[in-house]
Amino acid sequence: MFSTIALQADSSSLMSMLPFVAMIGVLYFFMIRPQMTKQKKEKAFQSEIKKGSKVVTTSGIHGKIVELHAADNTVTIETGAGKIKFERSAISMELSKKYLAPAVKK
């Protein structure tokens, strides 16, 4: 008799936990995992930055990279106002022909 009560209690508690497990799975696949892949791509982009690339910073400043400083992980960008030193993480995107090519309309 006690074993049947214990089995019934285990199955009902397992069924009540199922929605919470499903919510955690949905959160992982729709929020956490895409954010992690985005961070990996951003880190790869920042490590591939080359001298002479035209870039835009996160604050919206456009310029061309004139120096790369490996020691302190910074870059020097030449803008219309002069040269400014930025962290690599402050560069949001590259303005090259590869990224700005217009889409071909059919």
Protein backbone atom coordinates (compact mmCIF):
# COMPACT_ATOMS: atom_id res chain seq x y z
CA MET A 1 0.00 0.00 0.00
CA PHE A 2 2.79 2.42 0.88
CA SER A 3 4.65 1.63 -2.33
CA THR A 4 1.64 2.56 -4.49
CA ILE A 5 1.23 5.85 -2.61
CA ALA A 6 4.93 6.63 -3.08
CA LEU A 7 4.73 5.87 -6.82
CA GLN A 8 1.69 8.11 -7.21
CA ALA A 9 3.42 10.94 -5.36
CA ASP A 10 6.57 10.63 -7.51
CA SER A 11 4.68 10.75 -10.82
CA SER A 12 2.55 13.73 -9.79
CA SER A 13 5.58 15.70 -8.56
CA LEU A 14 7.40 14.89 -11.79
CA MET A 15 4.45 16.11 -13.84
CA SER A 16 4.28 19.35 -11.84
CA MET A 17 8.00 19.99 -12.51
CA LEU A 18 7.65 19.46 -16.27
CA PRO A 19 6.45 23.03 -17.11
CA PHE A 20 9.40 24.54 -15.23
CA VAL A 21 11.88 22.32 -17.04
CA ALA A 22 10.25 23.24 -20.35
CA MET A 23 10.47 26.97 -19.54
CA ILE A 24 14.18 26.68 -18.74
CA GLY A 25 14.74 24.83 -22.03
CA VAL A 26 12.89 27.51 -24.00
CA LEU A 27 14.84 30.28 -22.28
CA TYR A 28 18.11 28.57 -23.10
CA PHE A 29 17.38 27.95 -26.79
CA PHE A 30 15.70 31.29 -27.54
CA MET A 31 17.65 33.72 -25.33
CA ILE A 32 20.88 32.40 -23.86
CA ARG A 33 22.26 30.38 -26.78
CA PRO A 34 21.78 33.09 -29.47
CA GLN A 35 23.41 35.65 -27.16
CA MET A 36 26.42 33.38 -26.67
CA THR A 37 26.85 32.90 -30.44
CA LYS A 38 26.56 36.65 -30.97
CA GLN A 39 29.29 37.25 -28.38
CA LYS A 40 31.56 34.70 -30.09
CA LYS A 41 31.09 36.40 -33.48
CA GLU A 42 31.74 39.82 -31.97
CA LYS A 43 34.91 38.63 -30.27
CA ALA A 44 36.14 37.05 -33.52
CA PHE A 45 35.41 40.29 -35.39
CA GLN A 46 37.33 42.36 -32.85
CA SER A 47 40.34 40.06 -33.04
CA GLU A 48 40.37 40.19 -36.88
CA ILE A 49 40.50 44.00 -37.10
CA LYS A 50 43.32 45.17 -39.37
CA LYS A 51 45.18 48.41 -39.89
CA GLY A 52 43.54 50.53 -42.60
CA SER A 53 40.01 49.22 -42.00
CA LYS A 54 37.20 51.75 -41.95
CA VAL A 55 35.13 51.22 -38.81
CA VAL A 56 32.29 52.63 -36.72
CA THR A 57 32.50 52.70 -32.93
CA THR A 58 29.62 51.95 -30.58
CA SER A 59 29.28 55.69 -29.97
CA GLY A 60 28.85 56.31 -33.72
CA ILE A 61 32.28 57.73 -34.56
CA HIS A 62 33.46 56.84 -38.07
CA GLY A 63 37.14 56.52 -38.84
CA LYS A 64 40.04 54.49 -40.16
CA ILE A 65 42.30 52.34 -37.99
CA VAL A 66 45.87 53.66 -38.07
CA GLU A 67 47.44 51.72 -35.19
CA LEU A 68 46.81 48.48 -33.32
CA HIS A 69 48.12 48.21 -29.75
CA ALA A 70 48.35 44.56 -28.68
CA ALA A 71 49.73 45.30 -25.22
CA ASP A 72 46.70 47.16 -23.89
CA ASN A 73 44.08 45.87 -26.39
CA THR A 74 43.40 49.29 -27.92
CA VAL A 75 43.34 50.81 -31.40
CA THR A 76 43.99 54.32 -32.67
CA ILE A 77 41.35 55.60 -35.08
CA GLU A 78 41.83 58.56 -37.38
CA THR A 79 38.68 60.65 -37.69
CA GLY A 80 37.96 64.00 -39.28
CA ALA A 81 38.86 65.70 -36.00
CA GLY A 82 42.14 63.85 -35.44
CA LYS A 83 43.39 60.60 -33.93
CA ILE A 84 41.52 58.99 -31.03
CA LYS A 85 42.47 55.91 -28.98
CA PHE A 86 39.68 53.36 -28.36
CA GLU A 87 39.32 49.94 -26.77
CA ARG A 88 38.83 47.15 -29.31
CA SER A 89 35.51 46.33 -27.68
CA ALA A 90 34.24 49.82 -28.60
CA ILE A 91 34.34 49.03 -32.33
CA SER A 92 30.92 47.88 -33.47
CA MET A 93 31.31 47.25 -37.21
CA GLU A 94 33.54 47.54 -40.24
CA LEU A 95 32.64 49.73 -43.21
CA SER A 96 34.16 47.84 -46.09
CA LYS A 97 32.86 46.92 -49.51
CA LYS A 98 32.27 43.37 -48.30
CA TYR A 99 29.80 44.52 -45.63
CA LEU A 100 28.24 47.43 -47.54
CA ALA A 101 27.61 45.68 -50.86
CA PRO A 102 24.00 46.33 -51.93
CA ALA A 103 21.70 43.37 -52.27
CA VAL A 104 21.08 42.28 -55.84
CA LYS A 105 17.42 42.70 -56.76
CA LYS A 106 15.82 40.17 -59.10
